[in-house]
Amino acid sequence: RGPIGAGDRAAPRKRGMRVGWNARLSGRGVDPTPAMRSLRAKRGWDYWRRKCRPGRLPARADIDPAEFPDLLPYIVLIQVCRDPLDFVERVTGGEVLRHSTESSMNRSWLDYPGRGPDSKIWQHYEEVVRTGEPSFESVPYVGPHRDFLYVELLSCPLAEDGRTVDRVFSVVDYLPR
């Protein structure tokens, strides 16, 4: 199992907060930051918002790791594959790997136990792809360490053409008991 509730259908879960990026950029949407306990998630949200252009999602090329070196251990960059829909982790930060049972980098989630279409984590990313909107969730931690109660997961869409989501930029933070 992965660190963010992958494949764990029995654990209790707080309802996630979905944030419409167009609404947020226009000033009419819900700001998720009051619900975030993680300063890393808040910084990821602020960074992604600065990269948005009116009416367009940021592209992967807009994301510069040199601009957030202290967040790198908590970053996951997902490639979106289509026909059929699939996800592949292309970048997984060291802290995320440390809190995972095993690495799923460069593996098709369709072929990875616990990450397929029935898992919560798949559904989280599928919604980001389907809606073109960021998603923020606080989910019970599932992984090899017992020191954590929740994981905060912020996932923001990226699109080379500004509209069709082809990558997802995520910040994953672990909240202690």
N, C-alpha and C. Protein backbone atom coordinates (compact mmCIF):
# COMPACT_ATOMS: atom_id res chain seq x y z
N ARG A 1 0.82 -1.20 0.00
CA ARG A 1 0.00 0.00 0.00
C ARG A 1 0.85 1.24 0.00
N GLY A 2 0.35 2.29 -0.59
CA GLY A 2 1.03 3.58 -0.62
C GLY A 2 0.71 4.40 0.61
N PRO A 3 1.25 5.60 0.68
CA PRO A 3 1.14 6.41 1.88
C PRO A 3 -0.15 7.19 2.00
N ILE A 4 -0.98 7.24 1.00
CA ILE A 4 -2.11 8.15 1.06
C ILE A 4 -3.42 7.42 0.85
N GLY A 5 -3.60 6.37 1.60
CA GLY A 5 -4.86 5.66 1.58
C GLY A 5 -5.07 4.78 0.37
N ALA A 6 -4.02 4.49 -0.36
CA ALA A 6 -4.14 3.70 -1.58
C ALA A 6 -4.68 2.32 -1.26
N GLY A 7 -5.81 2.00 -1.84
CA GLY A 7 -6.35 0.67 -1.71
C GLY A 7 -7.03 0.38 -0.38
N ASP A 8 -6.98 1.25 0.58
CA ASP A 8 -7.58 1.02 1.87
C ASP A 8 -9.01 1.53 1.86
N ARG A 9 -9.94 0.62 1.69
CA ARG A 9 -11.35 1.02 1.59
C ARG A 9 -12.05 1.01 2.94
N ALA A 10 -11.45 0.43 3.99
CA ALA A 10 -12.13 0.28 5.26
C ALA A 10 -11.88 1.44 6.22
N ALA A 11 -10.81 2.19 6.03
CA ALA A 11 -10.45 3.24 6.97
C ALA A 11 -11.45 4.39 6.92
N PRO A 12 -11.76 4.99 8.07
CA PRO A 12 -12.63 6.16 8.06
C PRO A 12 -11.94 7.30 7.33
N ARG A 13 -12.73 8.22 6.79
CA ARG A 13 -12.14 9.27 5.98
C ARG A 13 -12.91 10.56 6.13
N LYS A 14 -12.19 11.66 6.27
CA LYS A 14 -12.83 12.96 6.23
C LYS A 14 -13.19 13.27 4.80
N ARG A 15 -14.27 13.96 4.62
CA ARG A 15 -14.68 14.34 3.27
C ARG A 15 -13.67 15.34 2.72
N GLY A 16 -13.22 15.10 1.50
CA GLY A 16 -12.26 15.99 0.86
C GLY A 16 -12.89 17.29 0.42
N MET A 17 -12.09 18.29 0.24
CA MET A 17 -12.57 19.58 -0.24
C MET A 17 -12.13 19.73 -1.68
N ARG A 18 -13.06 19.99 -2.56
CA ARG A 18 -12.77 20.21 -3.96
C ARG A 18 -12.81 21.71 -4.23
N VAL A 19 -11.86 22.19 -4.98
CA VAL A 19 -11.76 23.61 -5.23
C VAL A 19 -11.72 23.86 -6.72
N GLY A 20 -12.67 24.61 -7.23
CA GLY A 20 -12.71 24.93 -8.65
C GLY A 20 -11.68 26.00 -8.98
N TRP A 21 -10.74 25.68 -9.86
CA TRP A 21 -9.65 26.63 -10.12
C TRP A 21 -10.15 27.87 -10.81
N ASN A 22 -11.06 27.78 -11.76
CA ASN A 22 -11.56 28.99 -12.41
C ASN A 22 -12.26 29.89 -11.42
N ALA A 23 -13.09 29.30 -10.56
CA ALA A 23 -13.80 30.09 -9.56
C ALA A 23 -12.81 30.74 -8.60
N ARG A 24 -11.80 30.00 -8.18
CA ARG A 24 -10.83 30.54 -7.22
C ARG A 24 -10.05 31.69 -7.84
N LEU A 25 -9.65 31.54 -9.07
CA LEU A 25 -8.87 32.60 -9.70
C LEU A 25 -9.71 33.84 -9.93
N SER A 26 -11.02 33.66 -10.09
CA SER A 26 -11.88 34.82 -10.29
C SER A 26 -12.29 35.44 -8.97
N GLY A 27 -11.91 34.82 -7.86
CA GLY A 27 -12.22 35.37 -6.55
C GLY A 27 -13.56 34.93 -5.99
N ARG A 28 -14.31 34.06 -6.70
CA ARG A 28 -15.63 33.64 -6.24
C ARG A 28 -15.59 32.26 -5.60
N GLY A 29 -14.50 31.55 -5.69
CA GLY A 29 -14.46 30.16 -5.24
C GLY A 29 -14.09 30.00 -3.79
N VAL A 30 -14.01 28.75 -3.39
CA VAL A 30 -13.66 28.39 -2.03
C VAL A 30 -12.15 28.36 -1.90
N ASP A 31 -11.64 29.02 -0.89
CA ASP A 31 -10.22 28.98 -0.59
C ASP A 31 -9.98 27.80 0.34
N PRO A 32 -9.22 26.78 -0.08
CA PRO A 32 -9.04 25.60 0.77
C PRO A 32 -8.07 25.81 1.92
N THR A 33 -7.31 26.90 1.92
CA THR A 33 -6.25 27.04 2.91
C THR A 33 -6.73 27.04 4.36
N PRO A 34 -7.93 27.55 4.69
CA PRO A 34 -8.35 27.45 6.10
C PRO A 34 -8.51 25.99 6.56
N ALA A 35 -8.85 25.08 5.65
CA ALA A 35 -9.00 23.67 6.00
C ALA A 35 -7.67 22.95 6.08
N MET A 36 -6.62 23.55 5.55
CA MET A 36 -5.30 22.91 5.52
C MET A 36 -4.57 23.15 6.83
N ARG A 37 -4.11 22.07 7.45
CA ARG A 37 -3.25 22.21 8.62
C ARG A 37 -1.79 22.25 8.19
N SER A 38 -1.52 21.73 7.02
CA SER A 38 -0.15 21.63 6.52
C SER A 38 0.30 22.94 5.86
N LEU A 39 1.38 23.49 6.38
CA LEU A 39 1.96 24.68 5.74
C LEU A 39 2.52 24.33 4.37
N ARG A 40 2.97 23.10 4.20
CA ARG A 40 3.48 22.67 2.89
C ARG A 40 2.35 22.66 1.85
N ALA A 41 1.20 22.14 2.21
CA ALA A 41 0.06 22.14 1.28
C ALA A 41 -0.34 23.58 0.95
N LYS A 42 -0.36 24.45 1.93
CA LYS A 42 -0.69 25.86 1.69
C LYS A 42 0.30 26.49 0.72
N ARG A 43 1.58 26.20 0.91
CA ARG A 43 2.60 26.76 0.01
C ARG A 43 2.46 26.19 -1.39
N GLY A 44 2.14 24.89 -1.50
CA GLY A 44 1.91 24.28 -2.81
C GLY A 44 0.73 24.93 -3.52
N TRP A 45 -0.35 25.20 -2.79
CA TRP A 45 -1.53 25.86 -3.34
C TRP A 45 -1.17 27.25 -3.86
N ASP A 46 -0.47 28.03 -3.02
CA ASP A 46 -0.09 29.38 -3.43
C ASP A 46 0.82 29.35 -4.65
N TYR A 47 1.76 28.40 -4.68
CA TYR A 47 2.67 28.29 -5.83
C TYR A 47 1.88 27.99 -7.10
N TRP A 48 1.00 26.97 -7.06
CA TRP A 48 0.22 26.60 -8.24
C TRP A 48 -0.65 27.76 -8.71
N ARG A 49 -1.28 28.45 -7.79
CA ARG A 49 -2.13 29.59 -8.17
C ARG A 49 -1.33 30.67 -8.89
N ARG A 50 -0.11 30.93 -8.44
CA ARG A 50 0.73 31.94 -9.10
C ARG A 50 1.07 31.53 -10.53
N LYS A 51 1.08 30.24 -10.80
CA LYS A 51 1.42 29.74 -12.13
C LYS A 51 0.23 29.72 -13.09
N CYS A 52 -0.98 29.86 -12.56
CA CYS A 52 -2.17 29.87 -13.41
C CYS A 52 -2.24 31.15 -14.24
N ARG A 53 -2.73 31.00 -15.47
CA ARG A 53 -2.97 32.14 -16.35
C ARG A 53 -4.47 32.23 -16.58
N PRO A 54 -5.01 33.39 -16.84
CA PRO A 54 -6.46 33.52 -17.02
C PRO A 54 -6.99 32.52 -18.06
N GLY A 55 -7.94 31.68 -17.61
CA GLY A 55 -8.57 30.73 -18.50
C GLY A 55 -7.72 29.54 -18.91
N ARG A 56 -6.51 29.40 -18.32
CA ARG A 56 -5.61 28.31 -18.71
C ARG A 56 -4.97 27.70 -17.47
N LEU A 57 -4.83 26.38 -17.51
CA LEU A 57 -4.08 25.69 -16.48
C LEU A 57 -2.59 25.86 -16.75
N PRO A 58 -1.76 25.85 -15.70
CA PRO A 58 -0.32 25.90 -15.94
C PRO A 58 0.16 24.60 -16.60
N ALA A 59 1.26 24.70 -17.31
CA ALA A 59 1.89 23.54 -17.95
C ALA A 59 3.00 23.01 -17.05
N ARG A 60 3.47 21.81 -17.31
CA ARG A 60 4.61 21.25 -16.57
C ARG A 60 5.80 22.18 -16.67
N ALA A 61 6.00 22.79 -17.82
CA ALA A 61 7.14 23.69 -18.02
C ALA A 61 7.07 24.93 -17.12
N ASP A 62 5.89 25.26 -16.62
CA ASP A 62 5.72 26.40 -15.72
C ASP A 62 6.20 26.09 -14.30
N ILE A 63 6.32 24.82 -13.98
CA ILE A 63 6.69 24.40 -12.63
C ILE A 63 8.21 24.27 -12.56
N ASP A 64 8.82 25.11 -11.72
CA ASP A 64 10.28 25.14 -11.60
C ASP A 64 10.69 24.67 -10.21
N PRO A 65 11.22 23.46 -10.08
CA PRO A 65 11.61 22.94 -8.76
C PRO A 65 12.58 23.84 -8.01
N ALA A 66 13.36 24.64 -8.71
CA ALA A 66 14.29 25.55 -8.04
C ALA A 66 13.55 26.61 -7.22
N GLU A 67 12.26 26.80 -7.50
CA GLU A 67 11.47 27.79 -6.78
C GLU A 67 10.90 27.26 -5.47
N PHE A 68 11.02 25.96 -5.20
CA PHE A 68 10.50 25.40 -3.95
C PHE A 68 11.36 24.21 -3.48
N PRO A 69 12.67 24.41 -3.32
CA PRO A 69 13.54 23.27 -2.98
C PRO A 69 13.17 22.56 -1.68
N ASP A 70 12.65 23.28 -0.70
CA ASP A 70 12.29 22.63 0.57
C ASP A 70 11.02 21.80 0.46
N LEU A 71 10.22 22.00 -0.59
CA LEU A 71 9.01 21.19 -0.79
C LEU A 71 9.29 19.92 -1.59
N LEU A 72 10.43 19.85 -2.27
CA LEU A 72 10.71 18.72 -3.16
C LEU A 72 10.53 17.35 -2.50
N PRO A 73 10.92 17.16 -1.24
CA PRO A 73 10.71 15.83 -0.64
C PRO A 73 9.23 15.43 -0.51
N TYR A 74 8.33 16.40 -0.65
CA TYR A 74 6.90 16.16 -0.46
C TYR A 74 6.10 16.26 -1.76
N ILE A 75 6.78 16.34 -2.88
CA ILE A 75 6.15 16.53 -4.18
C ILE A 75 5.98 15.18 -4.89
N VAL A 76 4.85 15.04 -5.56
CA VAL A 76 4.61 13.91 -6.46
C VAL A 76 4.13 14.51 -7.78
N LEU A 77 4.74 14.08 -8.87
CA LEU A 77 4.31 14.51 -10.20
C LEU A 77 3.80 13.28 -10.93
N ILE A 78 2.52 13.33 -11.28
CA ILE A 78 1.85 12.20 -11.92
C ILE A 78 1.66 12.50 -13.40
N GLN A 79 2.02 11.55 -14.24
CA GLN A 79 1.72 11.64 -15.67
C GLN A 79 0.37 10.98 -15.89
N VAL A 80 -0.49 11.64 -16.67
CA VAL A 80 -1.80 11.11 -17.01
C VAL A 80 -1.71 10.45 -18.38
N CYS A 81 -2.08 9.18 -18.45
CA CYS A 81 -2.14 8.45 -19.71
C CYS A 81 -3.61 8.25 -20.06
N ARG A 82 -3.90 8.17 -21.32
CA ARG A 82 -5.29 8.02 -21.76
C ARG A 82 -5.43 6.81 -22.69
N ASP A 83 -6.67 6.37 -22.82
CA ASP A 83 -7.01 5.24 -23.72
C ASP A 83 -6.24 3.98 -23.41
N PRO A 84 -6.39 3.38 -22.27
CA PRO A 84 -7.29 3.73 -21.17
C PRO A 84 -6.63 4.70 -20.19
N LEU A 85 -7.46 5.30 -19.35
CA LEU A 85 -6.94 6.19 -18.32
C LEU A 85 -5.99 5.41 -17.42
N ASP A 86 -4.85 6.01 -17.13
CA ASP A 86 -3.87 5.42 -16.24
C ASP A 86 -3.03 6.54 -15.66
N PHE A 87 -2.33 6.25 -14.58
CA PHE A 87 -1.46 7.22 -13.92
C PHE A 87 -0.10 6.59 -13.71
N VAL A 88 0.96 7.40 -13.88
CA VAL A 88 2.32 6.95 -13.64
C VAL A 88 3.03 8.05 -12.85
N GLU A 89 3.56 7.68 -11.69
CA GLU A 89 4.33 8.64 -10.89
C GLU A 89 5.68 8.83 -11.57
N ARG A 90 5.97 10.04 -12.00
CA ARG A 90 7.25 10.33 -12.65
C ARG A 90 8.25 10.91 -11.66
N VAL A 91 7.76 11.64 -10.67
CA VAL A 91 8.62 12.19 -9.62
C VAL A 91 7.92 11.91 -8.29
N THR A 92 8.66 11.33 -7.37
CA THR A 92 8.13 11.10 -6.02
C THR A 92 9.21 11.54 -5.04
N GLY A 93 8.88 12.51 -4.21
CA GLY A 93 9.83 13.06 -3.25
C GLY A 93 10.28 12.04 -2.22
N GLY A 94 11.45 12.30 -1.66
CA GLY A 94 12.07 11.39 -0.70
C GLY A 94 11.23 11.12 0.53
N GLU A 95 10.56 12.13 1.07
CA GLU A 95 9.71 11.92 2.25
C GLU A 95 8.50 11.06 1.90
N VAL A 96 7.95 11.24 0.73
CA VAL A 96 6.83 10.41 0.30
C VAL A 96 7.30 8.96 0.17
N LEU A 97 8.46 8.75 -0.43
CA LEU A 97 8.99 7.40 -0.56
C LEU A 97 9.28 6.78 0.81
N ARG A 98 9.81 7.59 1.72
CA ARG A 98 10.16 7.09 3.06
C ARG A 98 8.93 6.60 3.82
N HIS A 99 7.80 7.23 3.58
CA HIS A 99 6.57 6.87 4.29
C HIS A 99 5.71 5.87 3.52
N SER A 100 6.24 5.34 2.43
CA SER A 100 5.51 4.37 1.61
C SER A 100 6.03 2.97 1.87
N THR A 101 5.17 2.01 1.66
CA THR A 101 5.58 0.62 1.80
C THR A 101 6.55 0.23 0.71
N GLU A 102 6.29 0.70 -0.51
CA GLU A 102 7.20 0.48 -1.63
C GLU A 102 7.00 1.59 -2.65
N SER A 103 7.96 1.75 -3.53
CA SER A 103 7.89 2.78 -4.56
C SER A 103 6.98 2.34 -5.70
N SER A 104 6.15 3.27 -6.16
CA SER A 104 5.33 3.00 -7.35
C SER A 104 5.78 3.88 -8.51
N MET A 105 6.97 4.47 -8.39
CA MET A 105 7.47 5.32 -9.47
C MET A 105 7.65 4.53 -10.75
N ASN A 106 7.25 5.17 -11.84
CA ASN A 106 7.40 4.63 -13.20
C ASN A 106 6.63 3.32 -13.42
N ARG A 107 5.60 3.10 -12.61
CA ARG A 107 4.77 1.91 -12.77
C ARG A 107 3.35 2.34 -13.12
N SER A 108 2.74 1.64 -14.03
CA SER A 108 1.34 1.86 -14.36
C SER A 108 0.50 1.54 -13.13
N TRP A 109 -0.40 2.46 -12.77
CA TRP A 109 -1.27 2.19 -11.64
C TRP A 109 -2.28 1.10 -11.97
N LEU A 110 -2.57 0.89 -13.24
CA LEU A 110 -3.46 -0.20 -13.63
C LEU A 110 -2.86 -1.55 -13.24
N ASP A 111 -1.53 -1.63 -13.24
CA ASP A 111 -0.82 -2.87 -12.93
C ASP A 111 -0.27 -2.91 -11.50
N TYR A 112 -0.59 -1.90 -10.70
CA TYR A 112 -0.04 -1.79 -9.35
C TYR A 112 -1.13 -2.12 -8.33
N PRO A 113 -0.99 -3.20 -7.56
CA PRO A 113 -2.03 -3.57 -6.59
C PRO A 113 -2.35 -2.42 -5.62
N GLY A 114 -3.62 -2.16 -5.46
CA GLY A 114 -4.06 -1.12 -4.54
C GLY A 114 -4.14 0.27 -5.13
N ARG A 115 -3.75 0.44 -6.38
CA ARG A 115 -3.78 1.76 -7.02
C ARG A 115 -4.73 1.82 -8.20
N GLY A 116 -5.47 0.77 -8.46
CA GLY A 116 -6.35 0.72 -9.63
C GLY A 116 -7.60 1.56 -9.47
N PRO A 117 -8.50 1.48 -10.44
CA PRO A 117 -9.69 2.33 -10.49
C PRO A 117 -10.62 2.23 -9.28
N ASP A 118 -10.56 1.17 -8.49
CA ASP A 118 -11.41 1.06 -7.31
C ASP A 118 -10.82 1.71 -6.07
N SER A 119 -9.56 2.16 -6.14
CA SER A 119 -8.91 2.73 -4.97
C SER A 119 -9.27 4.20 -4.80
N LYS A 120 -9.21 4.67 -3.56
CA LYS A 120 -9.50 6.07 -3.25
C LYS A 120 -8.50 7.00 -3.95
N ILE A 121 -7.24 6.59 -3.99
CA ILE A 121 -6.23 7.45 -4.56
C ILE A 121 -6.44 7.61 -6.07
N TRP A 122 -6.83 6.52 -6.75
CA TRP A 122 -7.14 6.61 -8.19
C TRP A 122 -8.30 7.59 -8.39
N GLN A 123 -9.33 7.44 -7.59
CA GLN A 123 -10.51 8.28 -7.71
C GLN A 123 -10.19 9.75 -7.46
N HIS A 124 -9.28 10.01 -6.53
CA HIS A 124 -8.82 11.38 -6.27
C HIS A 124 -8.21 11.99 -7.53
N TYR A 125 -7.27 11.27 -8.13
CA TYR A 125 -6.60 11.78 -9.33
C TYR A 125 -7.53 11.80 -10.54
N GLU A 126 -8.40 10.82 -10.65
CA GLU A 126 -9.35 10.81 -11.76
C GLU A 126 -10.24 12.04 -11.73
N GLU A 127 -10.65 12.46 -10.53
CA GLU A 127 -11.49 13.66 -10.43
C GLU A 127 -10.73 14.90 -10.87
N VAL A 128 -9.46 15.00 -10.50
CA VAL A 128 -8.65 16.15 -10.94
C VAL A 128 -8.58 16.18 -12.46
N VAL A 129 -8.37 15.01 -13.08
CA VAL A 129 -8.28 14.93 -14.54
C VAL A 129 -9.62 15.25 -15.18
N ARG A 130 -10.69 14.68 -14.65
CA ARG A 130 -12.02 14.86 -15.23
C ARG A 130 -12.51 16.30 -15.12
N THR A 131 -12.27 16.94 -13.97
CA THR A 131 -12.81 18.29 -13.75
C THR A 131 -11.85 19.40 -14.15
N GLY A 132 -10.54 19.09 -14.22
CA GLY A 132 -9.55 20.13 -14.47
C GLY A 132 -9.42 21.08 -13.29
N GLU A 133 -9.79 20.60 -12.10
CA GLU A 133 -9.76 21.40 -10.88
C GLU A 133 -8.84 20.77 -9.84
N PRO A 134 -8.25 21.58 -8.98
CA PRO A 134 -7.46 21.03 -7.88
C PRO A 134 -8.35 20.27 -6.91
N SER A 135 -7.74 19.41 -6.14
CA SER A 135 -8.44 18.68 -5.10
C SER A 135 -7.59 18.69 -3.84
N PHE A 136 -8.21 18.92 -2.71
CA PHE A 136 -7.53 18.87 -1.42
C PHE A 136 -8.28 17.88 -0.54
N GLU A 137 -7.52 16.98 0.08
CA GLU A 137 -8.12 16.01 0.98
C GLU A 137 -7.22 15.76 2.17
N SER A 138 -7.85 15.49 3.28
CA SER A 138 -7.16 14.99 4.46
C SER A 138 -7.66 13.57 4.64
N VAL A 139 -6.76 12.60 4.52
CA VAL A 139 -7.16 11.19 4.57
C VAL A 139 -6.35 10.47 5.66
N PRO A 140 -6.91 9.39 6.19
CA PRO A 140 -6.16 8.62 7.18
C PRO A 140 -4.88 8.08 6.55
N TYR A 141 -3.80 8.13 7.32
CA TYR A 141 -2.52 7.61 6.85
C TYR A 141 -2.57 6.09 6.82
N VAL A 142 -2.10 5.52 5.72
CA VAL A 142 -1.96 4.07 5.59
C VAL A 142 -0.53 3.84 5.10
N GLY A 143 0.30 3.27 5.93
CA GLY A 143 1.68 3.05 5.54
C GLY A 143 2.46 2.39 6.66
N PRO A 144 3.78 2.31 6.51
CA PRO A 144 4.60 1.53 7.44
C PRO A 144 4.87 2.22 8.78
N HIS A 145 4.57 3.50 8.93
CA HIS A 145 4.89 4.22 10.16
C HIS A 145 3.62 4.49 10.95
N ARG A 146 3.68 4.35 12.25
CA ARG A 146 2.51 4.54 13.11
C ARG A 146 2.47 5.93 13.74
N ASP A 147 3.41 6.79 13.39
CA ASP A 147 3.49 8.11 14.01
C ASP A 147 2.51 9.12 13.41
N PHE A 148 1.83 8.75 12.33
CA PHE A 148 0.99 9.72 11.63
C PHE A 148 -0.48 9.35 11.74
N LEU A 149 -1.30 10.37 11.80
CA LEU A 149 -2.74 10.18 11.87
C LEU A 149 -3.38 10.46 10.51
N TYR A 150 -2.97 11.56 9.88
CA TYR A 150 -3.54 11.95 8.60
C TYR A 150 -2.46 12.34 7.61
N VAL A 151 -2.85 12.27 6.36
CA VAL A 151 -2.04 12.78 5.26
C VAL A 151 -2.87 13.86 4.61
N GLU A 152 -2.27 15.02 4.38
CA GLU A 152 -2.95 16.04 3.60
C GLU A 152 -2.39 15.98 2.19
N LEU A 153 -3.30 15.92 1.24
CA LEU A 153 -2.95 15.75 -0.16
C LEU A 153 -3.59 16.86 -0.98
N LEU A 154 -2.76 17.67 -1.59
CA LEU A 154 -3.21 18.70 -2.52
C LEU A 154 -2.74 18.29 -3.90
N SER A 155 -3.68 18.18 -4.83
CA SER A 155 -3.34 17.79 -6.21
C SER A 155 -3.88 18.84 -7.17
N CYS A 156 -2.99 19.36 -8.00
CA CYS A 156 -3.33 20.45 -8.92
C CYS A 156 -3.05 20.04 -10.36
N PRO A 157 -3.99 20.32 -11.25
CA PRO A 157 -3.84 19.90 -12.65
C PRO A 157 -2.82 20.76 -13.41
N LEU A 158 -2.15 20.11 -14.34
CA LEU A 158 -1.24 20.78 -15.28
C LEU A 158 -1.66 20.36 -16.69
N ALA A 159 -1.49 21.25 -17.65
CA ALA A 159 -1.91 20.94 -19.02
C ALA A 159 -1.03 21.69 -20.01
N GLU A 160 -0.36 20.95 -20.87
CA GLU A 160 0.50 21.59 -21.88
C GLU A 160 -0.30 22.53 -22.77
N ASP A 161 -1.53 22.15 -23.11
CA ASP A 161 -2.35 22.99 -23.97
C ASP A 161 -3.21 23.98 -23.17
N GLY A 162 -3.06 23.98 -21.84
CA GLY A 162 -3.81 24.89 -20.99
C GLY A 162 -5.19 24.38 -20.60
N ARG A 163 -5.63 23.26 -21.20
CA ARG A 163 -6.99 22.76 -20.94
C ARG A 163 -7.06 21.26 -20.61
N THR A 164 -6.35 20.43 -21.36
CA THR A 164 -6.42 18.98 -21.19
C THR A 164 -5.37 18.54 -20.17
N VAL A 165 -5.82 18.05 -19.04
CA VAL A 165 -4.90 17.68 -17.96
C VAL A 165 -4.03 16.51 -18.41
N ASP A 166 -2.70 16.72 -18.39
CA ASP A 166 -1.77 15.65 -18.76
C ASP A 166 -0.79 15.32 -17.65
N ARG A 167 -0.79 16.13 -16.60
CA ARG A 167 0.03 15.87 -15.43
C ARG A 167 -0.72 16.41 -14.21
N VAL A 168 -0.36 15.89 -13.04
CA VAL A 168 -0.92 16.39 -11.80
C VAL A 168 0.24 16.62 -10.84
N PHE A 169 0.30 17.84 -10.31
CA PHE A 169 1.31 18.29 -9.37
C PHE A 169 0.71 18.16 -7.97
N SER A 170 1.31 17.32 -7.12
CA SER A 170 0.75 17.08 -5.78
C SER A 170 1.76 17.40 -4.70
N VAL A 171 1.23 17.88 -3.58
CA VAL A 171 2.00 18.05 -2.35
C VAL A 171 1.38 17.10 -1.33
N VAL A 172 2.22 16.26 -0.74
CA VAL A 172 1.78 15.27 0.24
C VAL A 172 2.48 15.59 1.56
N ASP A 173 1.69 15.80 2.61
CA ASP A 173 2.30 16.07 3.93
C ASP A 173 1.69 15.14 4.96
N TYR A 174 2.49 14.79 5.94
CA TYR A 174 2.13 13.81 6.97
C TYR A 174 1.95 14.54 8.28
N LEU A 175 0.76 14.38 8.88
CA LEU A 175 0.44 15.06 10.13
C LEU A 175 0.55 14.08 11.29
N PRO A 176 1.35 14.43 12.29
CA PRO A 176 1.57 13.51 13.41
C PRO A 176 0.32 13.35 14.30
N ARG A 177 0.35 12.27 15.05
CA ARG A 177 -0.73 12.03 16.02
C ARG A 177 -0.72 13.08 17.09
